[in-house]
């Protein structure tokens, strides 16, 4: 884990700044939004940014699940290198570690939806757009990730998509320790 701290802190800083910017947009929405077309553009921008935060929460959930299971993974060298927070090492991890990593993302998505349902003001256009977009993201997760989870659960091999890397033990850039 020692080698990962710098990259992890960079990702945390990047995502903290994104969350702060989104909270600023929501504050502007609630306080004194502009009128007309600018108001609609601000609502759409706020909703899109909120959806990005939902995606990031999902990715952090995967990462926290991987960390909890002491999984091997690879972080990007730069916070802007990949849309994924990390790549899960297929060769260096067990099936239970895969399940922990995957379930972390699912749990984070559920928590994000609950927080948004409780926190977003019902009288703002941005809230309705954000909830619709986050719902689309959750459906995409169900369509993309649940079948892979189920296939592995039933005995299939670990997936090998873009969010995965396959290194042999000892080759991993950053083994968890």
N, C-alpha and C. Protein backbone atom coordinates (compact mmCIF):
# COMPACT_ATOMS: atom_id res chain seq x y z
N UNK A 1 0.83 -1.20 0.00
CA UNK A 1 0.00 0.00 0.00
C UNK A 1 0.87 1.26 0.00
N UNK A 2 2.10 1.14 0.53
CA UNK A 2 2.96 2.32 0.63
C UNK A 2 3.11 3.05 -0.69
N UNK A 3 3.32 2.29 -1.78
CA UNK A 3 3.51 2.90 -3.09
C UNK A 3 2.27 3.54 -3.65
N UNK A 4 1.12 3.21 -3.10
CA UNK A 4 -0.15 3.71 -3.62
C UNK A 4 -0.60 5.02 -2.99
N UNK A 5 -0.04 5.40 -1.87
CA UNK A 5 -0.56 6.56 -1.14
C UNK A 5 -0.61 7.82 -1.98
N UNK A 6 0.44 8.08 -2.75
CA UNK A 6 0.47 9.31 -3.55
C UNK A 6 -0.67 9.33 -4.57
N UNK A 7 -0.81 8.23 -5.30
CA UNK A 7 -1.88 8.16 -6.31
C UNK A 7 -3.26 8.22 -5.65
N UNK A 8 -3.40 7.54 -4.53
CA UNK A 8 -4.68 7.54 -3.82
C UNK A 8 -5.03 8.95 -3.33
N UNK A 9 -4.06 9.66 -2.80
CA UNK A 9 -4.30 11.03 -2.34
C UNK A 9 -4.64 11.96 -3.50
N UNK A 10 -4.00 11.75 -4.65
CA UNK A 10 -4.33 12.56 -5.83
C UNK A 10 -5.78 12.33 -6.25
N UNK A 11 -6.21 11.07 -6.26
CA UNK A 11 -7.60 10.76 -6.61
C UNK A 11 -8.57 11.36 -5.60
N UNK A 12 -8.20 11.26 -4.32
CA UNK A 12 -9.04 11.81 -3.27
C UNK A 12 -9.16 13.33 -3.40
N UNK A 13 -8.05 13.99 -3.69
CA UNK A 13 -8.07 15.44 -3.89
C UNK A 13 -8.91 15.81 -5.10
N UNK A 14 -8.71 15.11 -6.21
CA UNK A 14 -9.50 15.39 -7.42
C UNK A 14 -10.98 15.26 -7.12
N UNK A 15 -11.37 14.14 -6.50
CA UNK A 15 -12.78 13.89 -6.26
C UNK A 15 -13.36 14.80 -5.18
N UNK A 16 -12.54 15.17 -4.21
CA UNK A 16 -12.98 16.15 -3.21
C UNK A 16 -13.27 17.50 -3.84
N UNK A 17 -12.43 17.91 -4.79
CA UNK A 17 -12.67 19.18 -5.49
C UNK A 17 -13.93 19.10 -6.35
N UNK A 18 -14.16 17.96 -6.97
CA UNK A 18 -15.38 17.79 -7.77
C UNK A 18 -16.61 17.87 -6.88
N UNK A 19 -16.58 17.20 -5.73
CA UNK A 19 -17.72 17.24 -4.80
C UNK A 19 -17.94 18.67 -4.30
N UNK A 20 -16.86 19.39 -3.99
CA UNK A 20 -16.99 20.77 -3.53
C UNK A 20 -17.62 21.65 -4.62
N UNK A 21 -17.21 21.45 -5.86
CA UNK A 21 -17.79 22.23 -6.96
C UNK A 21 -19.27 21.91 -7.13
N UNK A 22 -19.64 20.64 -7.00
CA UNK A 22 -21.05 20.25 -7.14
C UNK A 22 -21.87 20.84 -6.00
N UNK A 23 -21.33 20.81 -4.80
CA UNK A 23 -22.05 21.44 -3.67
C UNK A 23 -22.22 22.94 -3.92
N UNK A 24 -21.22 23.57 -4.51
CA UNK A 24 -21.34 24.98 -4.87
C UNK A 24 -22.45 25.22 -5.88
N UNK A 25 -22.55 24.33 -6.87
CA UNK A 25 -23.63 24.44 -7.85
C UNK A 25 -25.00 24.29 -7.19
N UNK A 26 -25.12 23.34 -6.26
CA UNK A 26 -26.40 23.16 -5.56
C UNK A 26 -26.74 24.36 -4.69
N UNK A 27 -25.73 24.95 -4.07
CA UNK A 27 -25.95 26.14 -3.26
C UNK A 27 -26.46 27.28 -4.14
N UNK A 28 -25.87 27.43 -5.31
CA UNK A 28 -26.30 28.47 -6.25
C UNK A 28 -27.73 28.19 -6.71
N UNK A 29 -28.03 26.93 -7.01
CA UNK A 29 -29.38 26.54 -7.42
C UNK A 29 -30.41 26.94 -6.37
N UNK A 30 -30.11 26.65 -5.12
CA UNK A 30 -31.07 26.87 -4.04
C UNK A 30 -31.17 28.34 -3.64
N UNK A 31 -30.07 29.08 -3.75
CA UNK A 31 -30.04 30.46 -3.25
C UNK A 31 -30.68 31.45 -4.22
N UNK A 32 -30.08 31.62 -5.36
CA UNK A 32 -30.54 32.65 -6.28
C UNK A 32 -30.21 32.26 -7.72
N UNK A 33 -30.91 31.27 -8.25
CA UNK A 33 -30.58 30.84 -9.61
C UNK A 33 -30.94 31.91 -10.63
N UNK A 34 -30.20 31.97 -11.72
CA UNK A 34 -30.55 32.93 -12.77
C UNK A 34 -31.89 32.56 -13.41
N UNK A 35 -32.38 33.43 -14.24
CA UNK A 35 -33.68 33.20 -14.89
C UNK A 35 -33.49 32.70 -16.32
N UNK A 36 -34.57 32.18 -16.88
CA UNK A 36 -34.62 31.82 -18.29
C UNK A 36 -33.74 30.66 -18.69
N UNK A 37 -33.15 30.79 -19.88
CA UNK A 37 -32.32 29.74 -20.45
C UNK A 37 -31.12 29.43 -19.57
N UNK A 38 -30.56 30.45 -18.96
CA UNK A 38 -29.40 30.24 -18.08
C UNK A 38 -29.79 29.35 -16.91
N UNK A 39 -30.99 29.51 -16.42
CA UNK A 39 -31.48 28.68 -15.30
C UNK A 39 -31.54 27.22 -15.71
N UNK A 40 -32.04 26.94 -16.90
CA UNK A 40 -32.13 25.56 -17.39
C UNK A 40 -30.73 25.00 -17.62
N UNK A 41 -29.84 25.80 -18.21
CA UNK A 41 -28.46 25.35 -18.43
C UNK A 41 -27.77 25.03 -17.11
N UNK A 42 -27.99 25.86 -16.10
CA UNK A 42 -27.41 25.61 -14.78
C UNK A 42 -27.99 24.34 -14.17
N UNK A 43 -29.28 24.12 -14.34
CA UNK A 43 -29.91 22.91 -13.81
C UNK A 43 -29.31 21.67 -14.47
N UNK A 44 -29.13 21.72 -15.78
CA UNK A 44 -28.56 20.58 -16.51
C UNK A 44 -27.11 20.36 -16.09
N UNK A 45 -26.32 21.42 -15.99
CA UNK A 45 -24.92 21.30 -15.57
C UNK A 45 -24.83 20.73 -14.15
N UNK A 46 -25.68 21.20 -13.26
CA UNK A 46 -25.69 20.71 -11.88
C UNK A 46 -26.06 19.23 -11.85
N UNK A 47 -27.05 18.85 -12.63
CA UNK A 47 -27.48 17.45 -12.67
C UNK A 47 -26.38 16.56 -13.24
N UNK A 48 -25.74 17.00 -14.31
CA UNK A 48 -24.65 16.21 -14.89
C UNK A 48 -23.50 16.06 -13.90
N UNK A 49 -23.16 17.13 -13.23
CA UNK A 49 -22.08 17.08 -12.24
C UNK A 49 -22.45 16.16 -11.07
N UNK A 50 -23.72 16.18 -10.68
CA UNK A 50 -24.19 15.30 -9.61
C UNK A 50 -24.10 13.84 -10.04
N UNK A 51 -24.41 13.58 -11.30
CA UNK A 51 -24.31 12.23 -11.83
C UNK A 51 -22.85 11.77 -11.82
N UNK A 52 -21.93 12.67 -12.13
CA UNK A 52 -20.50 12.34 -12.06
C UNK A 52 -20.13 11.96 -10.63
N UNK A 53 -20.63 12.69 -9.65
CA UNK A 53 -20.36 12.36 -8.25
C UNK A 53 -20.93 10.98 -7.90
N UNK A 54 -22.10 10.66 -8.44
CA UNK A 54 -22.67 9.33 -8.22
C UNK A 54 -21.79 8.24 -8.80
N UNK A 55 -21.24 8.47 -9.98
CA UNK A 55 -20.32 7.52 -10.60
C UNK A 55 -19.06 7.37 -9.75
N UNK A 56 -18.52 8.49 -9.29
CA UNK A 56 -17.32 8.45 -8.46
C UNK A 56 -17.59 7.71 -7.15
N UNK A 57 -18.76 7.92 -6.55
CA UNK A 57 -19.11 7.20 -5.32
C UNK A 57 -19.13 5.70 -5.58
N UNK A 58 -19.68 5.30 -6.72
CA UNK A 58 -19.72 3.89 -7.10
C UNK A 58 -18.29 3.34 -7.21
N UNK A 59 -17.42 4.08 -7.88
CA UNK A 59 -16.03 3.64 -8.05
C UNK A 59 -15.29 3.57 -6.72
N UNK A 60 -15.52 4.57 -5.84
CA UNK A 60 -14.90 4.53 -4.51
C UNK A 60 -15.42 3.35 -3.72
N UNK A 61 -16.69 2.99 -3.91
CA UNK A 61 -17.23 1.80 -3.25
C UNK A 61 -16.48 0.54 -3.68
N UNK A 62 -16.22 0.42 -5.00
CA UNK A 62 -15.42 -0.70 -5.47
C UNK A 62 -14.04 -0.70 -4.82
N UNK A 63 -13.41 0.47 -4.78
CA UNK A 63 -12.07 0.56 -4.21
C UNK A 63 -12.07 0.22 -2.72
N UNK A 64 -13.05 0.72 -1.99
CA UNK A 64 -13.13 0.40 -0.56
C UNK A 64 -13.37 -1.09 -0.33
N UNK A 65 -14.19 -1.70 -1.19
CA UNK A 65 -14.40 -3.15 -1.11
C UNK A 65 -13.10 -3.91 -1.38
N UNK A 66 -12.34 -3.45 -2.37
CA UNK A 66 -11.05 -4.08 -2.68
C UNK A 66 -10.07 -3.91 -1.52
N UNK A 67 -10.04 -2.72 -0.94
CA UNK A 67 -9.15 -2.48 0.20
C UNK A 67 -9.55 -3.34 1.40
N UNK A 68 -10.84 -3.44 1.65
CA UNK A 68 -11.32 -4.23 2.79
C UNK A 68 -10.93 -5.71 2.63
N UNK A 69 -10.89 -6.18 1.39
CA UNK A 69 -10.55 -7.58 1.12
C UNK A 69 -9.05 -7.78 0.91
N UNK A 70 -8.29 -6.70 1.09
CA UNK A 70 -6.83 -6.75 0.89
C UNK A 70 -6.47 -7.24 -0.51
N UNK A 71 -7.19 -6.71 -1.50
CA UNK A 71 -6.99 -7.11 -2.89
C UNK A 71 -5.78 -6.43 -3.50
N UNK A 72 -5.28 -7.04 -4.55
CA UNK A 72 -4.23 -6.42 -5.36
C UNK A 72 -4.94 -5.61 -6.44
N UNK A 73 -4.44 -4.43 -6.67
CA UNK A 73 -5.01 -3.57 -7.70
C UNK A 73 -3.97 -2.57 -8.14
N UNK A 74 -4.27 -1.89 -9.21
CA UNK A 74 -3.36 -0.90 -9.77
C UNK A 74 -4.10 0.43 -9.87
N UNK A 75 -3.52 1.47 -9.28
CA UNK A 75 -4.09 2.81 -9.38
C UNK A 75 -3.49 3.51 -10.60
N UNK A 76 -4.22 4.43 -11.20
CA UNK A 76 -3.62 5.18 -12.32
C UNK A 76 -2.48 6.07 -11.82
N UNK A 77 -1.52 6.29 -12.66
CA UNK A 77 -0.38 7.14 -12.29
C UNK A 77 -0.80 8.61 -12.16
N UNK A 78 -1.85 8.97 -12.89
CA UNK A 78 -2.37 10.34 -12.87
C UNK A 78 -3.86 10.27 -12.57
N UNK A 79 -4.41 11.26 -11.86
CA UNK A 79 -5.85 11.22 -11.58
C UNK A 79 -6.73 11.39 -12.82
N UNK A 80 -6.13 11.68 -13.97
CA UNK A 80 -6.91 11.89 -15.19
C UNK A 80 -6.60 10.84 -16.26
N UNK A 81 -5.92 9.78 -15.85
CA UNK A 81 -5.48 8.73 -16.77
C UNK A 81 -6.60 7.80 -17.20
N UNK A 82 -7.55 7.54 -16.31
CA UNK A 82 -8.56 6.52 -16.57
C UNK A 82 -9.89 6.93 -15.96
N UNK A 83 -11.01 6.49 -16.55
CA UNK A 83 -12.30 6.76 -15.91
C UNK A 83 -12.53 5.90 -14.67
N UNK A 84 -11.69 4.87 -14.50
CA UNK A 84 -11.81 3.99 -13.33
C UNK A 84 -10.82 4.45 -12.26
N UNK A 85 -11.19 4.29 -11.00
CA UNK A 85 -10.27 4.65 -9.92
C UNK A 85 -9.09 3.70 -9.85
N UNK A 86 -9.29 2.48 -10.28
CA UNK A 86 -8.23 1.48 -10.19
C UNK A 86 -8.55 0.34 -11.14
N UNK A 87 -7.57 -0.52 -11.34
CA UNK A 87 -7.78 -1.75 -12.10
C UNK A 87 -7.55 -2.92 -11.15
N UNK A 88 -8.53 -3.79 -11.10
CA UNK A 88 -8.50 -4.96 -10.24
C UNK A 88 -7.61 -6.02 -10.88
N UNK A 89 -6.68 -6.58 -10.12
CA UNK A 89 -5.74 -7.57 -10.62
C UNK A 89 -6.38 -8.96 -10.60
N UNK A 90 -6.74 -9.45 -11.78
CA UNK A 90 -7.40 -10.76 -11.89
C UNK A 90 -6.51 -11.88 -11.38
N UNK A 91 -5.23 -11.85 -11.75
CA UNK A 91 -4.31 -12.95 -11.41
C UNK A 91 -3.92 -12.92 -9.93
N UNK A 92 -3.93 -11.75 -9.32
CA UNK A 92 -3.46 -11.63 -7.95
C UNK A 92 -4.53 -11.70 -6.88
N UNK A 93 -5.78 -11.93 -7.29
CA UNK A 93 -6.89 -11.92 -6.33
C UNK A 93 -7.74 -13.17 -6.44
N UNK A 94 -8.41 -13.44 -5.35
CA UNK A 94 -9.30 -14.61 -5.27
C UNK A 94 -10.73 -14.22 -5.63
N UNK A 95 -11.57 -15.21 -5.77
CA UNK A 95 -12.98 -14.96 -6.03
C UNK A 95 -13.62 -14.16 -4.89
N UNK A 96 -13.38 -14.51 -3.61
CA UNK A 96 -13.95 -13.70 -2.54
C UNK A 96 -13.50 -12.23 -2.59
N UNK A 97 -12.28 -11.99 -3.00
CA UNK A 97 -11.82 -10.60 -3.14
C UNK A 97 -12.57 -9.90 -4.27
N UNK A 98 -12.83 -10.61 -5.36
CA UNK A 98 -13.63 -10.05 -6.45
C UNK A 98 -15.03 -9.70 -5.95
N UNK A 99 -15.63 -10.61 -5.18
CA UNK A 99 -16.98 -10.35 -4.68
C UNK A 99 -17.01 -9.14 -3.75
N UNK A 100 -16.01 -9.01 -2.89
CA UNK A 100 -15.95 -7.86 -1.97
C UNK A 100 -15.81 -6.56 -2.76
N UNK A 101 -14.94 -6.57 -3.76
CA UNK A 101 -14.75 -5.37 -4.59
C UNK A 101 -16.04 -5.01 -5.32
N UNK A 102 -16.68 -5.99 -5.90
CA UNK A 102 -17.91 -5.75 -6.66
C UNK A 102 -19.04 -5.26 -5.75
N UNK A 103 -19.22 -5.93 -4.63
CA UNK A 103 -20.30 -5.55 -3.72
C UNK A 103 -20.09 -4.16 -3.14
N UNK A 104 -18.83 -3.74 -2.98
CA UNK A 104 -18.56 -2.37 -2.53
C UNK A 104 -19.15 -1.34 -3.48
N UNK A 105 -19.04 -1.56 -4.77
CA UNK A 105 -19.62 -0.65 -5.76
C UNK A 105 -21.14 -0.64 -5.71
N UNK A 106 -21.73 -1.83 -5.57
CA UNK A 106 -23.19 -1.92 -5.47
C UNK A 106 -23.69 -1.18 -4.24
N UNK A 107 -23.02 -1.41 -3.10
CA UNK A 107 -23.44 -0.75 -1.85
C UNK A 107 -23.32 0.76 -1.96
N UNK A 108 -22.25 1.24 -2.57
CA UNK A 108 -22.07 2.69 -2.73
C UNK A 108 -23.15 3.28 -3.62
N UNK A 109 -23.56 2.57 -4.65
CA UNK A 109 -24.62 3.06 -5.53
C UNK A 109 -25.94 3.17 -4.78
N UNK A 110 -26.26 2.16 -4.00
CA UNK A 110 -27.50 2.18 -3.22
C UNK A 110 -27.47 3.35 -2.23
N UNK A 111 -26.35 3.52 -1.55
CA UNK A 111 -26.20 4.61 -0.59
C UNK A 111 -26.32 5.98 -1.29
N UNK A 112 -25.72 6.11 -2.46
CA UNK A 112 -25.79 7.37 -3.21
C UNK A 112 -27.23 7.71 -3.58
N UNK A 113 -27.96 6.73 -4.08
CA UNK A 113 -29.37 6.97 -4.44
C UNK A 113 -30.15 7.40 -3.20
N UNK A 114 -29.94 6.72 -2.08
CA UNK A 114 -30.66 7.06 -0.85
C UNK A 114 -30.33 8.49 -0.41
N UNK A 115 -29.06 8.86 -0.44
CA UNK A 115 -28.65 10.21 -0.04
C UNK A 115 -29.29 11.25 -0.96
N UNK A 116 -29.26 11.00 -2.26
CA UNK A 116 -29.85 11.96 -3.20
C UNK A 116 -31.36 12.09 -2.99
N UNK A 117 -32.03 10.97 -2.77
CA UNK A 117 -33.48 11.03 -2.54
C UNK A 117 -33.81 11.83 -1.28
N UNK A 118 -32.98 11.71 -0.27
CA UNK A 118 -33.22 12.43 0.98
C UNK A 118 -32.76 13.89 0.93
N UNK A 119 -31.69 14.18 0.19
CA UNK A 119 -31.07 15.50 0.27
C UNK A 119 -31.50 16.49 -0.81
N UNK A 120 -31.83 16.01 -1.98
CA UNK A 120 -32.12 16.95 -3.06
C UNK A 120 -33.48 17.60 -2.87
N UNK A 121 -33.52 18.92 -3.07
CA UNK A 121 -34.80 19.62 -2.96
C UNK A 121 -35.74 19.22 -4.09
N UNK A 122 -36.96 18.92 -3.75
CA UNK A 122 -37.94 18.42 -4.74
C UNK A 122 -38.43 19.50 -5.70
N UNK A 123 -38.20 20.76 -5.37
CA UNK A 123 -38.76 21.84 -6.19
C UNK A 123 -37.80 22.36 -7.26
N UNK A 124 -36.66 21.72 -7.44
CA UNK A 124 -35.69 22.19 -8.43
C UNK A 124 -35.61 21.25 -9.63
N UNK A 125 -35.56 21.83 -10.81
CA UNK A 125 -35.40 21.05 -12.04
C UNK A 125 -34.14 20.20 -11.97
N UNK A 126 -33.06 20.75 -11.44
CA UNK A 126 -31.80 20.02 -11.35
C UNK A 126 -31.96 18.73 -10.56
N UNK A 127 -32.78 18.73 -9.53
CA UNK A 127 -32.99 17.53 -8.73
C UNK A 127 -33.61 16.41 -9.56
N UNK A 128 -34.62 16.76 -10.33
CA UNK A 128 -35.32 15.76 -11.12
C UNK A 128 -34.42 15.22 -12.22
N UNK A 129 -33.65 16.09 -12.85
CA UNK A 129 -32.72 15.64 -13.90
C UNK A 129 -31.64 14.75 -13.28
N UNK A 130 -31.10 15.19 -12.13
CA UNK A 130 -30.05 14.41 -11.47
C UNK A 130 -30.56 13.03 -11.07
N UNK A 131 -31.74 12.97 -10.50
CA UNK A 131 -32.30 11.67 -10.10
C UNK A 131 -32.53 10.77 -11.31
N UNK A 132 -33.00 11.34 -12.40
CA UNK A 132 -33.22 10.54 -13.62
C UNK A 132 -31.88 10.02 -14.16
N UNK A 133 -30.87 10.88 -14.20
CA UNK A 133 -29.57 10.45 -14.72
C UNK A 133 -28.90 9.42 -13.81
N UNK A 134 -29.01 9.60 -12.52
CA UNK A 134 -28.44 8.62 -11.59
C UNK A 134 -29.19 7.29 -11.72
N UNK A 135 -30.49 7.34 -11.93
CA UNK A 135 -31.26 6.11 -12.15
C UNK A 135 -30.77 5.39 -13.41
N UNK A 136 -30.48 6.14 -14.46
CA UNK A 136 -29.93 5.54 -15.68
C UNK A 136 -28.58 4.89 -15.37
N UNK A 137 -27.77 5.55 -14.55
CA UNK A 137 -26.48 4.98 -14.15
C UNK A 137 -26.64 3.69 -13.37
N UNK A 138 -27.62 3.65 -12.48
CA UNK A 138 -27.86 2.43 -11.71
C UNK A 138 -28.33 1.30 -12.63
N UNK A 139 -29.18 1.63 -13.58
CA UNK A 139 -29.63 0.61 -14.54
C UNK A 139 -28.43 0.12 -15.37
N UNK A 140 -27.56 1.02 -15.77
CA UNK A 140 -26.36 0.62 -16.52
C UNK A 140 -25.50 -0.31 -15.69
N UNK A 141 -25.37 -0.02 -14.39
CA UNK A 141 -24.62 -0.90 -13.49
C UNK A 141 -25.27 -2.28 -13.45
N UNK A 142 -26.59 -2.30 -13.35
CA UNK A 142 -27.28 -3.59 -13.32
C UNK A 142 -27.05 -4.38 -14.60
N UNK A 143 -27.07 -3.69 -15.73
CA UNK A 143 -26.91 -4.36 -17.03
C UNK A 143 -25.47 -4.81 -17.25
N UNK A 144 -24.50 -4.01 -16.83
CA UNK A 144 -23.09 -4.30 -17.10
C UNK A 144 -22.46 -5.18 -16.02
N UNK A 145 -22.67 -4.84 -14.76
CA UNK A 145 -21.91 -5.49 -13.70
C UNK A 145 -22.60 -6.70 -13.07
N UNK A 146 -23.91 -6.69 -12.95
CA UNK A 146 -24.58 -7.81 -12.29
C UNK A 146 -24.40 -9.11 -13.07
N UNK A 147 -24.52 -9.12 -14.40
CA UNK A 147 -24.29 -10.40 -15.11
C UNK A 147 -22.87 -10.95 -14.89
N UNK A 148 -21.87 -10.06 -14.86
CA UNK A 148 -20.50 -10.53 -14.59
C UNK A 148 -20.40 -11.12 -13.18
N UNK A 149 -20.98 -10.42 -12.21
CA UNK A 149 -20.97 -10.91 -10.83
C UNK A 149 -21.63 -12.28 -10.77
N UNK A 150 -22.78 -12.40 -11.39
CA UNK A 150 -23.54 -13.65 -11.36
C UNK A 150 -22.76 -14.79 -12.04
N UNK A 151 -22.11 -14.48 -13.17
CA UNK A 151 -21.32 -15.49 -13.89
C UNK A 151 -20.18 -16.01 -13.01
N UNK A 152 -19.50 -15.10 -12.31
CA UNK A 152 -18.41 -15.51 -11.41
C UNK A 152 -18.99 -16.28 -10.22
N UNK A 153 -20.10 -15.81 -9.70
CA UNK A 153 -20.75 -16.48 -8.57
C UNK A 153 -21.07 -17.94 -8.91
N UNK A 154 -21.46 -18.16 -10.17
CA UNK A 154 -21.83 -19.51 -10.61
C UNK A 154 -20.62 -20.34 -11.05
N UNK A 155 -19.40 -19.80 -10.84
CA UNK A 155 -18.20 -20.58 -11.13
C UNK A 155 -17.40 -20.15 -12.33
N UNK A 156 -17.85 -19.12 -13.03
CA UNK A 156 -17.13 -18.65 -14.20
C UNK A 156 -15.84 -17.94 -13.82
N UNK A 157 -15.01 -17.62 -14.81
CA UNK A 157 -13.75 -16.93 -14.54
C UNK A 157 -13.99 -15.46 -14.18
N UNK A 158 -13.00 -14.85 -13.52
CA UNK A 158 -13.09 -13.42 -13.24
C UNK A 158 -13.10 -12.67 -14.57
N UNK A 159 -13.82 -11.55 -14.64
CA UNK A 159 -13.90 -10.79 -15.89
C UNK A 159 -12.55 -10.24 -16.31
N UNK A 160 -12.45 -9.86 -17.58
CA UNK A 160 -11.19 -9.30 -18.08
C UNK A 160 -11.40 -8.02 -18.88
N UNK A 161 -12.37 -7.21 -18.48
CA UNK A 161 -12.68 -5.98 -19.19
C UNK A 161 -11.70 -4.86 -18.88
N UNK A 162 -12.09 -3.65 -19.23
CA UNK A 162 -11.22 -2.47 -19.11
C UNK A 162 -10.87 -2.13 -17.67
N UNK A 163 -11.66 -2.57 -16.70
CA UNK A 163 -11.41 -2.25 -15.30
C UNK A 163 -10.54 -3.31 -14.62
N UNK A 164 -9.97 -4.21 -15.43
CA UNK A 164 -9.19 -5.31 -14.87
C UNK A 164 -7.80 -5.34 -15.51
N UNK A 165 -6.87 -5.82 -14.75
CA UNK A 165 -5.52 -6.06 -15.23
C UNK A 165 -5.17 -7.48 -14.81
N UNK A 166 -4.33 -8.14 -15.57
CA UNK A 166 -3.96 -9.50 -15.21
C UNK A 166 -2.45 -9.58 -15.14
N UNK A 167 -1.94 -9.52 -13.92
CA UNK A 167 -0.50 -9.63 -13.68
C UNK A 167 -0.26 -10.85 -12.82
N UNK A 168 0.89 -11.42 -12.97
CA UNK A 168 1.25 -12.54 -12.10
C UNK A 168 1.76 -12.00 -10.78
N UNK A 169 1.66 -12.80 -9.74
CA UNK A 169 2.12 -12.39 -8.42
C UNK A 169 3.54 -11.85 -8.52
N UNK A 170 3.79 -10.74 -7.88
CA UNK A 170 5.11 -10.12 -7.90
C UNK A 170 5.24 -9.06 -8.98
N UNK A 171 4.40 -9.11 -10.02
CA UNK A 171 4.45 -8.13 -11.09
C UNK A 171 3.61 -6.90 -10.81
N UNK A 172 2.62 -7.03 -9.93
CA UNK A 172 1.70 -5.94 -9.68
C UNK A 172 2.44 -4.70 -9.23
N UNK A 173 2.09 -3.59 -9.82
CA UNK A 173 2.75 -2.33 -9.49
C UNK A 173 2.56 -1.97 -8.04
N UNK A 174 1.39 -2.25 -7.48
CA UNK A 174 1.08 -1.88 -6.10
C UNK A 174 0.30 -2.97 -5.40
N UNK A 175 0.96 -3.97 -4.86
CA UNK A 175 0.19 -4.95 -4.11
C UNK A 175 -0.31 -4.35 -2.81
N UNK A 176 -1.50 -4.71 -2.42
CA UNK A 176 -2.03 -4.24 -1.13
C UNK A 176 -1.23 -4.93 -0.03
N UNK A 177 -0.93 -4.20 1.04
CA UNK A 177 -0.18 -4.82 2.13
C UNK A 177 -0.72 -4.39 3.47
